[in-house]
Amino acid sequence: MTRKFSPEQLRAYFVCGSQDVGSRDILTVVDSALQAGITAFQFRDKGRSQLSNSARLQLGRKLHQLCEAYQVPFIVDDDVELALALKADGIHVGQHDQKIQQVLSRVQGKMFVGLSCSTLPEVEAANQLSGVAYLGSGPVFPTSSKADADPVIGLDGLTHIVRLSKVPVVAIGGITAEQLPAIAATGARGAAVISLLAQSQQVELTVGKMLRAMQV
C-alpha cells in the first residue's frame, strides 16, 4: 500500500545509496536508521555508485521492504521508471532532472512528488504546480555528498524559501547535528541528510537529535 504524504515525514529524512556507505552493507545502515526512528528514506543511488540497473532494482526492492516493515515512506531519487517499478511511495526530482511536469503526469495518483528548489524564482514556479507535496531546499551549508550541488543558500536563503513556498520545505546540504536547531528556526519542517547518518557512529543519538529539533 502506497503511503500518503504528511509533513511529519520530513523531520528526520535519510538520503542514501550504495555510494554513501563505503564497504558497509547499505541494508544494515538503513535498518539501523529505521530502528532509530527516521521518518522518511530516499534511495539515491548515483554518482560514484557501481551498481548495474538490475542490481539497483534488486537493492531497491529490499530497501522498500525494510521501509514497509517500519511503516516509513520509501522515496526514489530522480528515476521515474525505477520509482514505478518499485511501487515507491514517493519520488524526488531536481531542477535538472526529468521535467517536473512530465513526472507529475506519469506518477499522478501513484506516489507523491518532492521537488528541489534553491532559488526564489524556482519556488515561485513550484507554487504554480499542482501535485508537488514538498520542496527540498539547499544546500544550506557546503556539502561533499553531491558533486553537482547548487550554490550554498545559507540559513537566510532557506528562511526566504520557507516563507514563499506553499508546501512544506525540508532542508538539505551539509547539515550537522549542531545546526539542527537553526534549521528548525527557519520554519523548515525537517532536515534531509546523507553523511550525518550514513557516517554516524551513533545513529540512534543522531536521529534523536533530528526528531527533537524538528518537533512541531
N, C-alpha and C. Protein backbone atom coordinates (compact mmCIF):
# COMPACT_ATOMS: atom_id res chain seq x y z
N MET A 1 0.85 -1.19 0.00
CA MET A 1 0.00 0.00 0.00
C MET A 1 0.89 1.25 0.00
N THR A 2 0.62 2.16 -0.91
CA THR A 2 1.42 3.38 -1.01
C THR A 2 1.08 4.32 0.15
N ARG A 3 2.11 4.87 0.78
CA ARG A 3 1.90 5.80 1.88
C ARG A 3 1.64 7.20 1.36
N LYS A 4 0.65 7.85 1.91
CA LYS A 4 0.36 9.22 1.54
C LYS A 4 1.36 10.15 2.23
N PHE A 5 1.51 11.33 1.65
CA PHE A 5 2.48 12.27 2.21
C PHE A 5 1.91 13.00 3.42
N SER A 6 2.77 13.21 4.41
CA SER A 6 2.47 14.05 5.56
C SER A 6 3.71 14.87 5.87
N PRO A 7 3.57 16.16 6.22
CA PRO A 7 4.73 16.98 6.54
C PRO A 7 5.59 16.39 7.66
N GLU A 8 4.99 15.62 8.55
CA GLU A 8 5.74 14.97 9.64
C GLU A 8 6.85 14.07 9.11
N GLN A 9 6.66 13.55 7.91
CA GLN A 9 7.65 12.63 7.32
C GLN A 9 8.97 13.32 7.01
N LEU A 10 9.00 14.63 7.00
CA LEU A 10 10.20 15.38 6.64
C LEU A 10 11.15 15.58 7.83
N ARG A 11 10.73 15.25 9.03
CA ARG A 11 11.51 15.61 10.23
C ARG A 11 12.91 15.01 10.23
N ALA A 12 13.00 13.72 10.01
CA ALA A 12 14.31 13.03 10.01
C ALA A 12 14.38 12.21 8.73
N TYR A 13 14.83 12.84 7.67
CA TYR A 13 14.74 12.33 6.30
C TYR A 13 16.14 11.86 5.88
N PHE A 14 16.29 10.55 5.68
CA PHE A 14 17.60 9.96 5.35
C PHE A 14 17.69 9.70 3.86
N VAL A 15 18.73 10.23 3.22
CA VAL A 15 19.01 10.03 1.80
C VAL A 15 20.26 9.17 1.69
N CYS A 16 20.20 8.07 0.94
CA CYS A 16 21.36 7.19 0.90
C CYS A 16 21.33 6.27 -0.32
N GLY A 17 22.54 5.94 -0.79
CA GLY A 17 22.71 4.95 -1.85
C GLY A 17 23.98 4.18 -1.57
N SER A 18 24.27 3.21 -2.42
CA SER A 18 25.44 2.36 -2.20
C SER A 18 26.74 3.15 -2.16
N GLN A 19 26.76 4.30 -2.84
CA GLN A 19 27.99 5.12 -2.89
C GLN A 19 28.28 5.83 -1.57
N ASP A 20 27.33 5.85 -0.66
CA ASP A 20 27.47 6.63 0.57
C ASP A 20 27.95 5.83 1.77
N VAL A 21 28.04 4.51 1.64
CA VAL A 21 28.29 3.68 2.83
C VAL A 21 29.66 3.00 2.83
N GLY A 22 30.48 3.26 1.82
CA GLY A 22 31.81 2.65 1.77
C GLY A 22 31.72 1.14 1.68
N SER A 23 32.46 0.45 2.54
CA SER A 23 32.49 -1.01 2.50
C SER A 23 31.37 -1.66 3.31
N ARG A 24 30.56 -0.84 3.98
CA ARG A 24 29.49 -1.39 4.80
C ARG A 24 28.30 -1.81 3.94
N ASP A 25 27.43 -2.62 4.51
CA ASP A 25 26.23 -3.09 3.83
C ASP A 25 25.14 -2.03 3.97
N ILE A 26 24.65 -1.52 2.87
CA ILE A 26 23.65 -0.45 2.93
C ILE A 26 22.37 -0.90 3.64
N LEU A 27 22.01 -2.18 3.50
CA LEU A 27 20.80 -2.66 4.17
C LEU A 27 20.95 -2.57 5.70
N THR A 28 22.13 -2.87 6.18
CA THR A 28 22.39 -2.76 7.62
C THR A 28 22.35 -1.31 8.07
N VAL A 29 22.94 -0.43 7.27
CA VAL A 29 22.96 1.01 7.60
C VAL A 29 21.54 1.56 7.65
N VAL A 30 20.73 1.24 6.64
CA VAL A 30 19.37 1.77 6.58
C VAL A 30 18.50 1.14 7.67
N ASP A 31 18.68 -0.15 7.93
CA ASP A 31 17.92 -0.80 9.00
C ASP A 31 18.20 -0.12 10.35
N SER A 32 19.46 0.20 10.61
CA SER A 32 19.82 0.89 11.86
C SER A 32 19.13 2.24 11.94
N ALA A 33 19.10 2.96 10.83
CA ALA A 33 18.45 4.28 10.81
C ALA A 33 16.94 4.16 11.01
N LEU A 34 16.34 3.13 10.42
CA LEU A 34 14.90 2.89 10.60
C LEU A 34 14.60 2.54 12.05
N GLN A 35 15.42 1.69 12.63
CA GLN A 35 15.24 1.35 14.05
C GLN A 35 15.33 2.58 14.93
N ALA A 36 16.22 3.50 14.54
CA ALA A 36 16.44 4.71 15.34
C ALA A 36 15.29 5.71 15.21
N GLY A 37 14.46 5.57 14.16
CA GLY A 37 13.28 6.42 14.06
C GLY A 37 13.23 7.41 12.93
N ILE A 38 14.04 7.21 11.86
CA ILE A 38 13.92 8.13 10.72
C ILE A 38 12.47 8.15 10.22
N THR A 39 12.07 9.29 9.66
CA THR A 39 10.68 9.47 9.25
C THR A 39 10.47 9.32 7.75
N ALA A 40 11.56 9.27 6.98
CA ALA A 40 11.47 9.04 5.53
C ALA A 40 12.83 8.54 5.05
N PHE A 41 12.80 7.73 3.98
CA PHE A 41 14.04 7.27 3.37
C PHE A 41 14.00 7.50 1.88
N GLN A 42 15.05 8.12 1.35
CA GLN A 42 15.17 8.33 -0.10
C GLN A 42 16.33 7.49 -0.64
N PHE A 43 16.02 6.66 -1.62
CA PHE A 43 17.01 5.83 -2.30
C PHE A 43 17.63 6.65 -3.42
N ARG A 44 18.85 7.13 -3.18
CA ARG A 44 19.56 7.95 -4.17
C ARG A 44 20.86 7.24 -4.53
N ASP A 45 20.80 6.41 -5.55
CA ASP A 45 21.95 5.60 -5.95
C ASP A 45 22.48 6.13 -7.27
N LYS A 46 23.52 6.95 -7.19
CA LYS A 46 24.05 7.59 -8.39
C LYS A 46 25.45 8.11 -8.09
N GLY A 47 26.00 8.89 -8.98
CA GLY A 47 27.35 9.43 -8.73
C GLY A 47 28.38 8.33 -8.75
N ARG A 48 28.96 8.04 -7.59
CA ARG A 48 30.03 7.04 -7.51
C ARG A 48 29.50 5.61 -7.43
N SER A 49 28.20 5.42 -7.52
CA SER A 49 27.64 4.06 -7.44
C SER A 49 28.17 3.18 -8.57
N GLN A 50 28.48 1.93 -8.22
CA GLN A 50 28.98 0.96 -9.20
C GLN A 50 27.89 -0.03 -9.61
N LEU A 51 26.67 0.17 -9.15
CA LEU A 51 25.62 -0.82 -9.39
C LEU A 51 25.09 -0.77 -10.82
N SER A 52 24.78 -1.95 -11.36
CA SER A 52 24.09 -2.03 -12.64
C SER A 52 22.61 -1.72 -12.40
N ASN A 53 21.86 -1.51 -13.48
CA ASN A 53 20.44 -1.22 -13.33
C ASN A 53 19.70 -2.36 -12.64
N SER A 54 20.03 -3.60 -12.99
CA SER A 54 19.34 -4.74 -12.38
C SER A 54 19.69 -4.87 -10.91
N ALA A 55 20.96 -4.62 -10.57
CA ALA A 55 21.37 -4.66 -9.15
C ALA A 55 20.70 -3.54 -8.36
N ARG A 56 20.56 -2.38 -8.98
CA ARG A 56 19.90 -1.25 -8.31
C ARG A 56 18.42 -1.58 -8.06
N LEU A 57 17.79 -2.22 -9.02
CA LEU A 57 16.39 -2.62 -8.86
C LEU A 57 16.25 -3.63 -7.71
N GLN A 58 17.14 -4.61 -7.67
CA GLN A 58 17.10 -5.61 -6.60
C GLN A 58 17.31 -4.98 -5.23
N LEU A 59 18.29 -4.08 -5.15
CA LEU A 59 18.55 -3.40 -3.89
C LEU A 59 17.37 -2.54 -3.48
N GLY A 60 16.79 -1.85 -4.46
CA GLY A 60 15.63 -1.01 -4.18
C GLY A 60 14.47 -1.81 -3.60
N ARG A 61 14.26 -3.01 -4.12
CA ARG A 61 13.17 -3.86 -3.60
C ARG A 61 13.41 -4.20 -2.12
N LYS A 62 14.65 -4.54 -1.81
CA LYS A 62 14.98 -4.90 -0.42
C LYS A 62 14.83 -3.70 0.51
N LEU A 63 15.28 -2.54 0.05
CA LEU A 63 15.16 -1.34 0.86
C LEU A 63 13.71 -0.94 1.06
N HIS A 64 12.91 -1.12 0.01
CA HIS A 64 11.47 -0.81 0.12
C HIS A 64 10.81 -1.73 1.15
N GLN A 65 11.16 -3.00 1.11
CA GLN A 65 10.60 -3.94 2.09
C GLN A 65 10.97 -3.55 3.51
N LEU A 66 12.22 -3.13 3.69
CA LEU A 66 12.65 -2.67 5.02
C LEU A 66 11.81 -1.48 5.48
N CYS A 67 11.63 -0.50 4.60
CA CYS A 67 10.85 0.69 4.94
C CYS A 67 9.40 0.32 5.27
N GLU A 68 8.84 -0.60 4.50
CA GLU A 68 7.46 -1.04 4.77
C GLU A 68 7.35 -1.67 6.15
N ALA A 69 8.36 -2.43 6.54
CA ALA A 69 8.33 -3.08 7.85
C ALA A 69 8.27 -2.06 8.99
N TYR A 70 8.87 -0.90 8.76
CA TYR A 70 8.88 0.16 9.78
C TYR A 70 7.81 1.23 9.51
N GLN A 71 7.02 1.03 8.45
CA GLN A 71 5.97 1.98 8.07
C GLN A 71 6.53 3.38 7.82
N VAL A 72 7.65 3.40 7.12
CA VAL A 72 8.32 4.66 6.76
C VAL A 72 8.26 4.81 5.24
N PRO A 73 7.92 5.99 4.72
CA PRO A 73 7.83 6.15 3.27
C PRO A 73 9.16 5.92 2.56
N PHE A 74 9.07 5.22 1.43
CA PHE A 74 10.23 4.90 0.59
C PHE A 74 10.15 5.79 -0.66
N ILE A 75 11.17 6.62 -0.83
CA ILE A 75 11.18 7.61 -1.90
C ILE A 75 12.37 7.33 -2.83
N VAL A 76 12.16 7.44 -4.12
CA VAL A 76 13.23 7.22 -5.10
C VAL A 76 13.67 8.56 -5.67
N ASP A 77 14.97 8.74 -5.79
CA ASP A 77 15.52 9.98 -6.34
C ASP A 77 15.58 9.92 -7.86
N ASP A 78 14.92 10.87 -8.50
CA ASP A 78 15.20 11.23 -9.90
C ASP A 78 14.73 10.26 -10.99
N ASP A 79 14.53 8.99 -10.68
CA ASP A 79 14.31 7.96 -11.72
C ASP A 79 12.86 7.49 -11.70
N VAL A 80 12.06 8.01 -12.62
CA VAL A 80 10.63 7.68 -12.65
C VAL A 80 10.41 6.20 -12.92
N GLU A 81 11.15 5.65 -13.89
CA GLU A 81 10.95 4.23 -14.23
C GLU A 81 11.26 3.33 -13.03
N LEU A 82 12.35 3.64 -12.32
CA LEU A 82 12.70 2.86 -11.14
C LEU A 82 11.65 3.03 -10.05
N ALA A 83 11.19 4.25 -9.85
CA ALA A 83 10.17 4.51 -8.82
C ALA A 83 8.88 3.74 -9.11
N LEU A 84 8.47 3.72 -10.37
CA LEU A 84 7.25 2.99 -10.75
C LEU A 84 7.46 1.48 -10.60
N ALA A 85 8.63 0.99 -11.02
CA ALA A 85 8.92 -0.44 -10.93
C ALA A 85 8.92 -0.91 -9.48
N LEU A 86 9.40 -0.04 -8.58
CA LEU A 86 9.49 -0.40 -7.16
C LEU A 86 8.20 -0.08 -6.39
N LYS A 87 7.23 0.54 -7.09
CA LYS A 87 5.99 0.98 -6.43
C LYS A 87 6.31 1.83 -5.21
N ALA A 88 7.21 2.79 -5.42
CA ALA A 88 7.65 3.67 -4.35
C ALA A 88 6.50 4.52 -3.83
N ASP A 89 6.66 5.00 -2.59
CA ASP A 89 5.66 5.90 -2.02
C ASP A 89 5.81 7.31 -2.59
N GLY A 90 7.05 7.66 -2.96
CA GLY A 90 7.30 9.00 -3.47
C GLY A 90 8.48 9.02 -4.42
N ILE A 91 8.61 10.13 -5.13
CA ILE A 91 9.77 10.36 -5.99
C ILE A 91 10.24 11.78 -5.74
N HIS A 92 11.56 11.98 -5.74
CA HIS A 92 12.13 13.32 -5.57
C HIS A 92 12.90 13.68 -6.84
N VAL A 93 12.61 14.85 -7.39
CA VAL A 93 13.27 15.27 -8.62
C VAL A 93 13.92 16.64 -8.43
N GLY A 94 15.02 16.86 -9.14
CA GLY A 94 15.73 18.13 -9.09
C GLY A 94 15.37 19.00 -10.27
N GLN A 95 15.84 20.22 -10.23
CA GLN A 95 15.58 21.16 -11.32
C GLN A 95 16.20 20.69 -12.63
N HIS A 96 17.28 19.91 -12.54
CA HIS A 96 17.99 19.48 -13.75
C HIS A 96 17.68 18.03 -14.10
N ASP A 97 16.79 17.41 -13.34
CA ASP A 97 16.42 16.03 -13.62
C ASP A 97 15.27 16.01 -14.63
N GLN A 98 14.52 14.93 -14.65
CA GLN A 98 13.40 14.83 -15.59
C GLN A 98 12.42 15.98 -15.34
N LYS A 99 11.87 16.52 -16.40
CA LYS A 99 10.98 17.67 -16.29
C LYS A 99 9.85 17.39 -15.31
N ILE A 100 9.64 18.33 -14.40
CA ILE A 100 8.69 18.13 -13.31
C ILE A 100 7.26 17.88 -13.83
N GLN A 101 6.87 18.58 -14.89
CA GLN A 101 5.52 18.38 -15.43
C GLN A 101 5.33 16.96 -15.93
N GLN A 102 6.37 16.44 -16.59
CA GLN A 102 6.30 15.06 -17.09
C GLN A 102 6.22 14.07 -15.94
N VAL A 103 7.01 14.33 -14.91
CA VAL A 103 7.00 13.45 -13.73
C VAL A 103 5.61 13.45 -13.09
N LEU A 104 5.07 14.63 -12.90
CA LEU A 104 3.75 14.73 -12.26
C LEU A 104 2.68 13.97 -13.05
N SER A 105 2.73 14.07 -14.38
CA SER A 105 1.72 13.38 -15.18
C SER A 105 1.94 11.86 -15.17
N ARG A 106 3.21 11.43 -15.13
CA ARG A 106 3.50 9.99 -15.12
C ARG A 106 3.07 9.31 -13.82
N VAL A 107 3.28 9.98 -12.69
CA VAL A 107 3.09 9.31 -11.39
C VAL A 107 1.80 9.74 -10.70
N GLN A 108 0.99 10.53 -11.35
CA GLN A 108 -0.22 11.07 -10.72
C GLN A 108 -1.06 9.98 -10.06
N GLY A 109 -1.33 10.16 -8.79
CA GLY A 109 -2.15 9.20 -8.07
C GLY A 109 -1.41 7.96 -7.60
N LYS A 110 -0.17 7.76 -8.07
CA LYS A 110 0.59 6.56 -7.70
C LYS A 110 1.57 6.83 -6.58
N MET A 111 2.09 8.07 -6.49
CA MET A 111 3.06 8.41 -5.45
C MET A 111 3.13 9.92 -5.32
N PHE A 112 3.66 10.38 -4.18
CA PHE A 112 3.81 11.82 -4.00
C PHE A 112 5.14 12.28 -4.61
N VAL A 113 5.25 13.59 -4.83
CA VAL A 113 6.41 14.15 -5.55
C VAL A 113 7.05 15.26 -4.72
N GLY A 114 8.38 15.15 -4.55
CA GLY A 114 9.17 16.22 -3.95
C GLY A 114 10.02 16.88 -5.02
N LEU A 115 10.26 18.17 -4.89
CA LEU A 115 10.99 18.92 -5.90
C LEU A 115 12.09 19.75 -5.25
N SER A 116 13.30 19.70 -5.81
CA SER A 116 14.40 20.53 -5.31
C SER A 116 14.25 21.96 -5.82
N CYS A 117 14.35 22.92 -4.90
CA CYS A 117 14.31 24.34 -5.25
C CYS A 117 15.36 25.06 -4.42
N SER A 118 16.22 25.83 -5.07
CA SER A 118 17.26 26.54 -4.33
C SER A 118 17.21 28.05 -4.53
N THR A 119 16.28 28.53 -5.36
CA THR A 119 16.14 29.97 -5.58
C THR A 119 14.67 30.37 -5.46
N LEU A 120 14.43 31.65 -5.21
CA LEU A 120 13.05 32.12 -5.07
C LEU A 120 12.27 31.98 -6.39
N PRO A 121 12.87 32.27 -7.57
CA PRO A 121 12.13 32.03 -8.82
C PRO A 121 11.71 30.56 -8.99
N GLU A 122 12.56 29.63 -8.56
CA GLU A 122 12.20 28.21 -8.64
C GLU A 122 11.02 27.90 -7.73
N VAL A 123 11.00 28.52 -6.55
CA VAL A 123 9.87 28.31 -5.62
C VAL A 123 8.60 28.92 -6.20
N GLU A 124 8.71 30.09 -6.79
CA GLU A 124 7.53 30.74 -7.40
C GLU A 124 6.95 29.85 -8.50
N ALA A 125 7.84 29.25 -9.30
CA ALA A 125 7.37 28.33 -10.36
C ALA A 125 6.72 27.10 -9.74
N ALA A 126 7.32 26.57 -8.67
CA ALA A 126 6.76 25.39 -8.00
C ALA A 126 5.38 25.69 -7.40
N ASN A 127 5.19 26.92 -6.94
CA ASN A 127 3.91 27.31 -6.36
C ASN A 127 2.77 27.26 -7.37
N GLN A 128 3.13 27.31 -8.66
CA GLN A 128 2.11 27.27 -9.72
C GLN A 128 1.72 25.84 -10.09
N LEU A 129 2.48 24.87 -9.59
CA LEU A 129 2.24 23.48 -9.96
C LEU A 129 1.24 22.83 -9.01
N SER A 130 0.46 21.93 -9.56
CA SER A 130 -0.46 21.14 -8.73
C SER A 130 0.12 19.74 -8.61
N GLY A 131 0.32 19.27 -7.39
CA GLY A 131 0.80 17.90 -7.22
C GLY A 131 2.16 17.77 -6.58
N VAL A 132 2.84 18.89 -6.32
CA VAL A 132 4.12 18.83 -5.59
C VAL A 132 3.80 18.81 -4.10
N ALA A 133 4.32 17.78 -3.40
CA ALA A 133 4.00 17.60 -1.98
C ALA A 133 4.89 18.43 -1.08
N TYR A 134 6.17 18.53 -1.44
CA TYR A 134 7.12 19.25 -0.61
C TYR A 134 8.29 19.73 -1.46
N LEU A 135 9.05 20.68 -0.92
CA LEU A 135 10.27 21.14 -1.58
C LEU A 135 11.49 20.72 -0.77
N GLY A 136 12.55 20.32 -1.45
CA GLY A 136 13.84 20.09 -0.83
C GLY A 136 14.72 21.28 -1.17
N SER A 137 15.19 22.00 -0.18
CA SER A 137 15.89 23.25 -0.45
C SER A 137 17.28 23.27 0.16
N GLY A 138 18.24 23.67 -0.65
CA GLY A 138 19.64 23.73 -0.23
C GLY A 138 20.53 23.80 -1.46
N PRO A 139 21.82 23.54 -1.27
CA PRO A 139 22.45 23.19 0.01
C PRO A 139 22.47 24.38 0.98
N VAL A 140 22.05 24.13 2.22
CA VAL A 140 22.06 25.17 3.23
C VAL A 140 23.50 25.48 3.62
N PHE A 141 24.33 24.44 3.68
CA PHE A 141 25.74 24.57 4.02
C PHE A 141 26.56 23.83 2.96
N PRO A 142 27.86 24.08 2.87
CA PRO A 142 28.69 23.34 1.90
C PRO A 142 28.60 21.84 2.12
N THR A 143 28.53 21.07 1.03
CA THR A 143 28.39 19.62 1.12
C THR A 143 29.36 18.93 0.18
N SER A 144 29.84 17.77 0.61
CA SER A 144 30.71 16.96 -0.25
C SER A 144 29.97 15.74 -0.79
N SER A 145 28.69 15.59 -0.42
CA SER A 145 27.94 14.40 -0.83
C SER A 145 27.45 14.47 -2.27
N LYS A 146 27.32 15.70 -2.81
CA LYS A 146 26.85 15.85 -4.18
C LYS A 146 27.85 16.68 -4.97
N ALA A 147 28.42 16.06 -6.00
CA ALA A 147 29.40 16.77 -6.82
C ALA A 147 28.77 17.91 -7.62
N ASP A 148 27.47 17.79 -7.90
CA ASP A 148 26.79 18.78 -8.74
C ASP A 148 25.88 19.69 -7.92
N ALA A 149 26.20 19.88 -6.65
CA ALA A 149 25.35 20.68 -5.77
C ALA A 149 25.26 22.13 -6.25
N ASP A 150 24.09 22.74 -6.01
CA ASP A 150 23.89 24.15 -6.33
C ASP A 150 24.69 25.02 -5.35
N PRO A 151 24.80 26.33 -5.63
CA PRO A 151 25.48 27.23 -4.68
C PRO A 151 24.79 27.21 -3.31
N VAL A 152 25.57 27.37 -2.26
CA VAL A 152 25.04 27.36 -0.90
C VAL A 152 24.05 28.52 -0.70
N ILE A 153 22.90 28.23 -0.07
CA ILE A 153 21.88 29.27 0.13
C ILE A 153 21.91 29.85 1.54
N GLY A 154 22.51 29.13 2.49
CA GLY A 154 22.59 29.62 3.86
C GLY A 154 21.25 29.60 4.58
N LEU A 155 21.28 29.93 5.84
CA LEU A 155 20.04 29.94 6.64
C LEU A 155 19.09 31.05 6.19
N ASP A 156 19.64 32.19 5.76
CA ASP A 156 18.79 33.28 5.27
C ASP A 156 18.04 32.86 4.01
N GLY A 157 18.76 32.22 3.10
CA GLY A 157 18.13 31.75 1.88
C GLY A 157 17.03 30.73 2.17
N LEU A 158 17.31 29.83 3.10
CA LEU A 158 16.31 28.83 3.47
C LEU A 158 15.08 29.49 4.08
N THR A 159 15.29 30.48 4.94
CA THR A 159 14.17 31.21 5.56
C THR A 159 13.27 31.84 4.51
N HIS A 160 13.87 32.48 3.50
CA HIS A 160 13.08 33.12 2.43
C HIS A 160 12.29 32.07 1.64
N ILE A 161 12.91 30.94 1.37
CA ILE A 161 12.24 29.88 0.62
C ILE A 161 11.05 29.34 1.40
N VAL A 162 11.25 29.11 2.70
CA VAL A 162 10.16 28.59 3.55
C VAL A 162 8.99 29.57 3.55
N ARG A 163 9.28 30.84 3.66
CA ARG A 163 8.22 31.85 3.70
C ARG A 163 7.43 31.91 2.40
N LEU A 164 8.13 31.73 1.28
CA LEU A 164 7.49 31.85 -0.03
C LEU A 164 6.74 30.58 -0.45
N SER A 165 7.24 29.43 -0.03
CA SER A 165 6.68 28.16 -0.51
C SER A 165 5.27 27.90 0.01
N LYS A 166 4.44 27.36 -0.87
CA LYS A 166 3.07 26.99 -0.48
C LYS A 166 3.03 25.60 0.15
N VAL A 167 4.11 24.85 0.02
CA VAL A 167 4.16 23.48 0.55
C VAL A 167 5.30 23.38 1.56
N PRO A 168 5.31 22.35 2.40
CA PRO A 168 6.38 22.20 3.39
C PRO A 168 7.75 22.09 2.74
N VAL A 169 8.77 22.53 3.47
CA VAL A 169 10.14 22.53 2.97
C VAL A 169 11.01 21.67 3.88
N VAL A 170 11.85 20.82 3.27
CA VAL A 170 12.87 20.09 4.01
C VAL A 170 14.23 20.64 3.58
N ALA A 171 15.07 20.93 4.56
CA ALA A 171 16.40 21.48 4.29
C ALA A 171 17.37 20.36 3.96
N ILE A 172 18.32 20.63 3.07
CA ILE A 172 19.33 19.63 2.72
C ILE A 172 20.67 20.32 2.47
N GLY A 173 21.75 19.59 2.72
CA GLY A 173 23.06 20.07 2.32
C GLY A 173 23.98 20.44 3.46
N GLY A 174 24.92 19.55 3.79
CA GLY A 174 25.97 19.86 4.75
C GLY A 174 25.49 20.05 6.18
N ILE A 175 24.34 19.50 6.52
CA ILE A 175 23.74 19.74 7.85
C ILE A 175 24.41 18.86 8.91
N THR A 176 24.84 19.49 9.99
CA THR A 176 25.39 18.76 11.13
C THR A 176 24.37 18.77 12.27
N ALA A 177 24.59 17.94 13.27
CA ALA A 177 23.67 17.87 14.41
C ALA A 177 23.58 19.22 15.12
N GLU A 178 24.70 19.94 15.20
CA GLU A 178 24.73 21.22 15.89
C GLU A 178 23.88 22.28 15.18
N GLN A 179 23.70 22.11 13.87
CA GLN A 179 22.96 23.11 13.10
C GLN A 179 21.45 22.85 13.06
N LEU A 180 21.01 21.74 13.61
CA LEU A 180 19.59 21.38 13.52
C LEU A 180 18.66 22.43 14.15
N PRO A 181 18.97 22.97 15.34
CA PRO A 181 18.08 23.99 15.90
C PRO A 181 17.94 25.22 15.00
N ALA A 182 19.04 25.62 14.36
CA ALA A 182 19.00 26.77 13.46
C ALA A 182 18.15 26.46 12.22
N ILE A 183 18.22 25.21 11.74
CA ILE A 183 17.37 24.79 10.62
C ILE A 183 15.90 24.87 11.03
N ALA A 184 15.60 24.36 12.23
CA ALA A 184 14.22 24.38 12.71
C ALA A 184 13.69 25.81 12.83
N ALA A 185 14.56 26.73 13.24
CA ALA A 185 14.16 28.13 13.44
C ALA A 185 13.75 28.82 12.15
N THR A 186 14.16 28.29 11.00
CA THR A 186 13.77 28.89 9.71
C THR A 186 12.32 28.57 9.34
N GLY A 187 11.75 27.58 10.02
CA GLY A 187 10.40 27.14 9.67
C GLY A 187 10.39 25.91 8.79
N ALA A 188 11.58 25.43 8.39
CA ALA A 188 11.65 24.17 7.63
C ALA A 188 11.08 23.05 8.49
N ARG A 189 10.42 22.09 7.83
CA ARG A 189 9.75 21.03 8.58
C ARG A 189 10.67 19.87 8.93
N GLY A 190 11.89 19.89 8.40
CA GLY A 190 12.81 18.81 8.70
C GLY A 190 14.14 19.00 8.01
N ALA A 191 15.02 18.02 8.21
CA ALA A 191 16.34 18.03 7.59
C ALA A 191 16.51 16.73 6.82
N ALA A 192 16.99 16.84 5.59
CA ALA A 192 17.33 15.66 4.79
C ALA A 192 18.84 15.54 4.78
N VAL A 193 19.34 14.40 5.23
CA VAL A 193 20.79 14.25 5.42
C VAL A 193 21.31 12.98 4.76
N ILE A 194 22.54 13.04 4.33
CA ILE A 194 23.25 11.87 3.81
C ILE A 194 24.34 11.49 4.81
N SER A 195 25.43 12.28 4.82
CA SER A 195 26.60 11.95 5.64
C SER A 195 26.29 11.88 7.13
N LEU A 196 25.43 12.77 7.61
CA LEU A 196 25.14 12.84 9.04
C LEU A 196 24.72 11.49 9.59
N LEU A 197 23.96 10.72 8.80
CA LEU A 197 23.54 9.39 9.25
C LEU A 197 24.38 8.28 8.64
N ALA A 198 24.74 8.41 7.35
CA ALA A 198 25.50 7.33 6.69
C ALA A 198 26.85 7.11 7.35
N GLN A 199 27.40 8.17 7.94
CA GLN A 199 28.72 8.07 8.56
C GLN A 199 28.68 8.16 10.09
N SER A 200 27.47 8.13 10.64
CA SER A 200 27.33 8.27 12.08
C SER A 200 27.76 7.00 12.82
N GLN A 201 28.47 7.19 13.91
CA GLN A 201 28.84 6.07 14.79
C GLN A 201 27.76 5.85 15.85
N GLN A 202 26.86 6.81 15.98
CA GLN A 202 25.78 6.73 16.98
C GLN A 202 24.47 7.15 16.32
N VAL A 203 23.96 6.27 15.48
CA VAL A 203 22.78 6.59 14.67
C VAL A 203 21.57 6.94 15.53
N GLU A 204 21.34 6.16 16.58
CA GLU A 204 20.17 6.41 17.43
C GLU A 204 20.23 7.80 18.06
N LEU A 205 21.42 8.18 18.52
CA LEU A 205 21.62 9.50 19.11
C LEU A 205 21.38 10.60 18.08
N THR A 206 21.91 10.40 16.88
CA THR A 206 21.78 11.40 15.82
C THR A 206 20.33 11.58 15.38
N VAL A 207 19.63 10.48 15.16
CA VAL A 207 18.21 10.57 14.77
C VAL A 207 17.40 11.22 15.89
N GLY A 208 17.72 10.90 17.12
CA GLY A 208 17.03 11.52 18.25
C GLY A 208 17.19 13.04 18.25
N LYS A 209 18.39 13.50 17.93
CA LYS A 209 18.63 14.95 17.84
C LYS A 209 17.79 15.57 16.73
N MET A 210 17.68 14.86 15.59
CA MET A 210 16.87 15.37 14.46
C MET A 210 15.41 15.48 14.86
N LEU A 211 14.90 14.46 15.51
CA LEU A 211 13.49 14.44 15.89
C LEU A 211 13.18 15.51 16.93
N ARG A 212 14.07 15.68 17.90
CA ARG A 212 13.83 16.69 18.95
C ARG A 212 13.89 18.11 18.38
N ALA A 213 14.83 18.33 17.46
CA ALA A 213 14.97 19.67 16.88
C ALA A 213 13.76 20.04 16.05
N MET A 214 13.15 19.04 15.41
CA MET A 214 12.05 19.31 14.48
C MET A 214 10.67 19.04 15.07
N GLN A 215 10.55 19.13 16.38
CA GLN A 215 9.24 18.96 16.99
C GLN A 215 8.33 20.11 16.58
N VAL A 216 7.08 19.75 16.31
CA VAL A 216 6.13 20.82 15.89
C VAL A 216 5.17 21.13 17.03
